[in-house]
Amino acid sequence: MGKTATINVRVDELDKKSAEQVLKQLGMPMSTLITLLLKQISLTKSVPFDITLPEAPASVSAEKITADEFAQMMVKLYREAEDGQGRPANEFFKEFKGSRI
């Protein structure tokens, strides 16, 4: 079957250039890589690499806080913000991490 379909994709310029350098060393044009990727997806009915969400570090895991504790903290922080007692996010997270460890 001939190659008649076209795919146009917008990507980060630096990512593209970096990948092109690697592919050049491998002697492979970008179009060949894309063709291989599409064929592998079709054959295996899956993406040929893991796509997962990163796990949050334990120090900031929301699993260690109950829904009631979270609600109380949000009400407290909302009231502080209304009273003009806001603070930088890094200070909040430092306190949040310290109270959860």
Foldseek 3Di string as FASTA:
>chain_A
DDDDDDDDDDDDPVVVVVVCVVCVVVVHDPVVVVVVQVVVCVVVVDRPDDDDDDDDPPLQDPVQDDPVRVVVVVVVQVVCVVVVNDDDPVVVSVVSSVVRD
